[in-house]
Amino acid sequence: MNYHIASKLEALVNRVSQYRIWPAFLLISFHSSLALGADSAIEIIDQMEALYQGVSSSATMTMIVETPQYQRTMEMQANSMGTENTFIRILSPRKDRGIATLKLDMEMWNYLPKINKVIKVPPSMMMGSWMGSDFTNDDLVKQTTLTKEYFLTLEETDELYTIILVPKEETVTVWGKIDYVVDKQYMVPVGQNFYDDRGELIRKLEFSELKEFSGKLIPSRLEMIPMNKEGHKTIVIYDNLQFNPPGVDESIFTLRNLRSRF
């Protein structure tokens, strides 16, 4: 009985396959396209995330925090080595001068010179606001690796790539989805849209004002806009950005340097 059933099944499969050769080819091509799309999405995101980095980098930036009640402007110096080490120090205004942030691999600390205290930032606070801005601690130090902690889907038009990122089950994040939009001509980011688990747009990050830094064309203005806080936004302007500059070495990325006064 089992032999006859197996024979009939084999014959049925053979008959069906005679009429399904072309659709089967399409199916193989479709799966290949999906794989190519995923690989391309990873390459694009990695390229975008590395755009402001080098083996090392040094930048001076202006951050403007706007609310309906006030506007704050801070000047900052930032250094990085690869994706693991980041050091940011506020230069002005005077009341905030010397406040610093250090990220070493997966750990982060803030230094508050007024009380001469170093505070370690726990993982639970990585999505918290940095210096009262609309950027989070994670935004500044890039602790989350998008291509490792999110599933990526690539869509495109004639002018734009849109990579849709959905967090993996083990990823610690408040975002249910992120849309990452990239300009195809210049291969620079145009915007990021951040959604909650219900699909509601919570905030958007816009990139503009292309400038050349160390031979790389990069958006020099980043504007973070929270959708649930009317009249709030934070602007970061890259005043200068150097890649692999002299003087940026491991001595910068230490707790001792974090405490130093200048």
Protein backbone atom coordinates (compact mmCIF):
# COMPACT_ATOMS: atom_id res chain seq x y z
CA MET A 1 0.00 0.00 0.00
CA ASN A 2 2.72 2.48 0.96
CA TYR A 3 4.60 1.64 -2.25
CA HIS A 4 1.59 2.36 -4.45
CA ILE A 5 0.85 5.64 -2.63
CA ALA A 6 4.45 6.74 -3.04
CA SER A 7 4.38 5.87 -6.75
CA LYS A 8 1.18 7.82 -7.31
CA LEU A 9 2.57 10.82 -5.45
CA GLU A 10 5.76 10.72 -7.50
CA ALA A 11 3.79 10.58 -10.74
CA LEU A 12 1.60 13.47 -9.61
CA VAL A 13 4.63 15.59 -8.76
CA ASN A 14 6.17 14.82 -12.15
CA ARG A 15 2.97 15.81 -14.00
CA VAL A 16 2.63 19.04 -12.01
CA SER A 17 6.28 19.94 -12.54
CA GLN A 18 5.83 19.71 -16.33
CA TYR A 19 3.40 22.62 -16.15
CA ARG A 20 5.14 24.54 -13.40
CA ILE A 21 8.67 24.98 -14.71
CA TRP A 22 8.32 28.72 -15.45
CA PRO A 23 6.54 29.62 -12.16
CA ALA A 24 9.18 27.62 -10.28
CA PHE A 25 11.88 29.67 -12.01
CA LEU A 26 10.07 32.84 -11.00
CA LEU A 27 9.91 31.58 -7.43
CA ILE A 28 13.67 30.98 -7.37
CA SER A 29 14.26 34.44 -8.82
CA PHE A 30 11.92 35.95 -6.25
CA HIS A 31 13.84 34.38 -3.37
CA SER A 32 17.11 35.56 -4.91
CA SER A 33 15.71 39.09 -5.11
CA LEU A 34 14.73 38.96 -1.46
CA ALA A 35 18.23 37.87 -0.50
CA LEU A 36 19.77 40.58 -2.67
CA GLY A 37 17.44 43.17 -1.15
CA ALA A 38 18.38 42.17 2.39
CA ASP A 39 22.10 42.26 1.59
CA SER A 40 21.75 45.62 -0.14
CA ALA A 41 19.79 47.02 2.81
CA ILE A 42 22.54 45.98 5.20
CA GLU A 43 25.20 47.53 2.99
CA ILE A 44 23.26 50.80 2.71
CA ILE A 45 22.60 51.08 6.46
CA ASP A 46 26.21 50.23 7.32
CA GLN A 47 27.37 52.89 4.85
CA MET A 48 25.01 55.48 6.36
CA GLU A 49 25.98 54.66 9.94
CA ALA A 50 29.70 54.96 9.06
CA LEU A 51 29.21 58.24 7.20
CA TYR A 52 30.10 60.40 10.21
CA GLN A 53 32.88 58.10 11.38
CA GLY A 54 36.32 56.95 10.32
CA VAL A 55 39.07 55.00 12.02
CA SER A 56 38.83 58.10 14.21
CA SER A 57 37.08 61.45 13.95
CA SER A 58 36.90 64.85 15.61
CA ALA A 59 33.99 67.27 15.32
CA THR A 60 32.77 70.58 16.66
CA MET A 61 29.00 70.86 16.75
CA THR A 62 26.25 73.26 17.73
CA MET A 63 23.13 71.86 19.36
CA ILE A 64 19.98 74.00 19.54
CA VAL A 65 17.12 72.80 21.74
CA GLU A 66 13.84 74.55 20.98
CA THR A 67 10.62 74.41 23.02
CA PRO A 68 7.60 76.76 23.22
CA GLN A 69 9.08 78.17 26.46
CA TYR A 70 12.78 78.59 25.65
CA GLN A 71 15.71 78.00 23.32
CA ARG A 72 19.10 76.63 24.43
CA THR A 73 22.27 76.59 22.36
CA MET A 74 25.28 74.42 23.22
CA GLU A 75 28.64 74.09 21.52
CA MET A 76 30.27 70.67 21.75
CA GLN A 77 33.48 68.87 20.92
CA ALA A 78 33.15 65.20 19.94
CA ASN A 79 35.76 62.52 19.26
CA SER A 80 35.34 58.93 18.22
CA MET A 81 37.41 55.83 17.44
CA GLY A 82 35.55 53.34 15.29
CA THR A 83 32.07 52.55 16.57
CA GLU A 84 33.16 51.51 20.06
CA ASN A 85 34.53 54.71 21.62
CA THR A 86 32.87 58.13 21.79
CA PHE A 87 33.73 61.21 23.84
CA ILE A 88 31.60 64.38 23.90
CA ARG A 89 32.31 67.51 25.94
CA ILE A 90 30.19 70.65 26.15
CA LEU A 91 32.21 73.83 25.54
CA SER A 92 29.47 76.42 26.07
CA PRO A 93 27.37 77.97 27.55
CA ARG A 94 29.43 78.61 30.64
CA LYS A 95 26.96 77.01 33.03
CA ASP A 96 27.21 73.70 31.12
CA ARG A 97 30.90 73.91 30.21
CA GLY A 98 32.80 70.73 31.03
CA ILE A 99 29.82 68.35 31.11
CA ALA A 100 31.03 65.27 29.29
CA THR A 101 29.86 61.90 28.02
CA LEU A 102 32.06 58.85 27.50
CA LYS A 103 31.06 55.66 25.74
CA LEU A 104 33.34 52.61 25.80
CA ASP A 105 31.92 49.71 23.84
CA MET A 106 28.61 48.96 25.59
CA GLU A 107 29.12 51.19 28.65
CA MET A 108 28.42 54.91 29.07
CA TRP A 109 29.18 57.58 31.69
CA ASN A 110 28.31 61.25 32.18
CA TYR A 111 30.50 63.71 34.09
CA LEU A 112 28.92 66.65 35.94
CA PRO A 113 31.65 69.17 36.87
CA LYS A 114 29.47 71.23 39.23
CA ILE A 115 29.30 68.31 41.64
CA ASN A 116 32.52 66.68 40.36
CA LYS A 117 30.74 63.37 39.89
CA VAL A 118 30.81 60.64 37.27
CA ILE A 119 27.48 58.88 36.77
CA LYS A 120 27.27 55.58 34.92
CA VAL A 121 24.29 55.39 32.57
CA PRO A 122 22.45 52.07 32.97
CA PRO A 123 21.14 50.25 29.88
CA SER A 124 17.60 51.13 30.93
CA MET A 125 18.41 54.84 30.45
CA MET A 126 19.89 54.59 26.95
CA MET A 127 16.60 55.74 25.44
CA GLY A 128 16.43 58.68 27.85
CA SER A 129 17.00 62.31 26.80
CA TRP A 130 20.56 63.61 26.50
CA MET A 131 20.99 67.05 28.09
CA GLY A 132 17.27 67.78 27.85
CA SER A 133 17.31 67.48 24.05
CA ASP A 134 15.11 65.40 21.77
CA PHE A 135 18.07 63.10 21.09
CA THR A 136 18.49 60.06 23.31
CA ASN A 137 21.69 58.77 24.89
CA ASP A 138 21.61 55.97 22.30
CA ASP A 139 21.34 58.47 19.43
CA LEU A 140 24.54 60.17 20.50
CA VAL A 141 26.67 57.13 21.20
CA LYS A 142 25.05 54.66 18.77
CA GLN A 143 24.96 51.77 21.18
CA THR A 144 22.35 50.00 19.08
CA THR A 145 23.71 48.39 15.90
CA LEU A 146 20.85 48.62 13.42
CA THR A 147 21.95 45.85 11.05
CA LYS A 148 22.45 43.39 13.91
CA GLU A 149 19.41 44.19 16.03
CA TYR A 150 16.77 44.79 13.36
CA PHE A 151 15.24 42.91 10.43
CA LEU A 152 15.73 44.98 7.26
CA THR A 153 13.50 45.33 4.20
CA LEU A 154 14.53 47.42 1.19
CA GLU A 155 12.15 49.48 -0.94
CA GLU A 156 13.17 51.99 -3.59
CA THR A 157 11.98 54.62 -6.03
CA ASP A 158 13.93 56.40 -8.77
CA GLU A 159 15.38 58.84 -6.23
CA LEU A 160 15.23 57.18 -2.80
CA TYR A 161 16.01 54.00 -0.92
CA THR A 162 13.75 53.28 2.05
CA ILE A 163 14.95 50.63 4.48
CA ILE A 164 12.28 49.44 6.90
CA LEU A 165 13.76 48.21 10.18
CA VAL A 166 11.75 46.01 12.55
CA PRO A 167 13.42 45.06 15.86
CA LYS A 168 14.31 41.46 16.54
CA GLU A 169 12.62 39.82 19.50
CA GLU A 170 15.70 40.14 21.72
CA THR A 171 16.40 43.80 20.81
CA VAL A 172 15.91 46.25 23.66
CA THR A 173 14.22 49.31 22.14
CA VAL A 174 11.10 51.42 22.42
CA TRP A 175 10.65 51.47 18.64
CA GLY A 176 8.28 49.18 16.83
CA LYS A 177 9.65 50.22 13.44
CA ILE A 178 12.13 52.65 11.89
CA ASP A 179 12.04 53.91 8.30
CA TYR A 180 15.50 54.94 7.07
CA VAL A 181 15.36 57.06 3.89
CA VAL A 182 18.48 57.51 1.74
CA ASP A 183 19.17 59.74 -1.28
CA LYS A 184 20.28 57.46 -4.15
CA GLN A 185 22.22 60.12 -6.06
CA TYR A 186 24.49 61.25 -3.21
CA MET A 187 24.11 58.16 -0.98
CA VAL A 188 23.40 60.23 2.12
CA PRO A 189 20.58 59.97 4.64
CA VAL A 190 17.48 62.09 4.08
CA GLY A 191 15.42 61.12 7.10
CA GLN A 192 14.48 58.57 9.73
CA ASN A 193 10.95 57.96 11.01
CA PHE A 194 10.47 56.27 14.37
CA TYR A 195 7.24 54.42 15.20
CA ASP A 196 5.92 52.79 18.37
CA ASP A 197 4.55 49.23 18.62
CA ARG A 198 1.13 50.42 17.40
CA GLY A 199 2.59 51.94 14.23
CA GLU A 200 2.19 55.55 15.39
CA LEU A 201 4.88 57.99 14.27
CA ILE A 202 6.62 59.25 17.43
CA ARG A 203 9.50 61.29 16.05
CA LYS A 204 11.37 62.03 12.86
CA LEU A 205 14.97 62.92 12.12
CA GLU A 206 15.67 65.07 9.06
CA PHE A 207 19.08 65.49 7.37
CA SER A 208 19.93 68.53 5.23
CA GLU A 209 22.58 71.04 4.09
CA LEU A 210 25.19 68.88 2.39
CA LYS A 211 28.78 69.94 3.07
CA GLU A 212 32.15 68.42 2.28
CA PHE A 213 34.23 67.33 5.27
CA SER A 214 37.60 65.66 4.66
CA GLY A 215 36.54 64.85 1.12
CA LYS A 216 33.18 63.32 2.11
CA LEU A 217 29.83 64.89 1.24
CA ILE A 218 27.70 64.76 4.39
CA PRO A 219 24.50 66.37 5.67
CA SER A 220 25.71 68.99 8.14
CA ARG A 221 22.32 69.68 9.75
CA LEU A 222 20.27 67.12 11.69
CA GLU A 223 16.84 68.05 13.03
CA MET A 224 15.02 65.80 15.49
CA ILE A 225 11.30 66.50 15.78
CA PRO A 226 9.12 64.71 18.37
CA MET A 227 5.59 64.31 17.03
CA ASN A 228 4.02 64.15 20.49
CA LYS A 229 5.54 67.45 21.71
CA GLU A 230 4.20 70.39 19.78
CA GLY A 231 6.76 73.14 19.26
CA HIS A 232 9.72 70.98 20.33
CA LYS A 233 12.73 70.14 18.19
CA THR A 234 16.49 69.75 18.48
CA ILE A 235 18.95 70.80 15.78
CA VAL A 236 22.53 69.55 15.54
CA ILE A 237 24.85 71.40 13.17
CA TYR A 238 28.29 70.04 12.27
CA ASP A 239 30.50 73.13 12.20
CA ASN A 240 33.60 71.07 11.46
CA LEU A 241 34.30 67.37 11.02
CA GLN A 242 37.69 65.74 10.46
CA PHE A 243 38.37 62.09 9.77
CA ASN A 244 41.47 60.38 11.15
CA PRO A 245 42.86 63.63 12.60
CA PRO A 246 46.13 63.76 14.56
CA GLY A 247 45.79 63.75 18.33
CA VAL A 248 42.78 61.45 18.63
CA ASP A 249 44.05 58.41 20.49
CA GLU A 250 43.02 56.05 23.28
CA SER A 251 44.02 58.51 26.01
CA ILE A 252 40.92 60.58 25.19
CA PHE A 253 38.53 57.72 25.88
CA THR A 254 39.20 57.24 29.59
CA LEU A 255 37.39 57.95 32.84
CA ARG A 256 40.39 60.05 33.88
CA ASN A 257 39.94 62.32 30.87
CA LEU A 258 36.21 62.42 31.55
CA ARG A 259 36.91 64.13 34.89
CA SER A 260 39.52 66.54 33.55
CA ARG A 261 38.81 70.28 33.76
CA PHE A 262 39.82 72.62 30.95
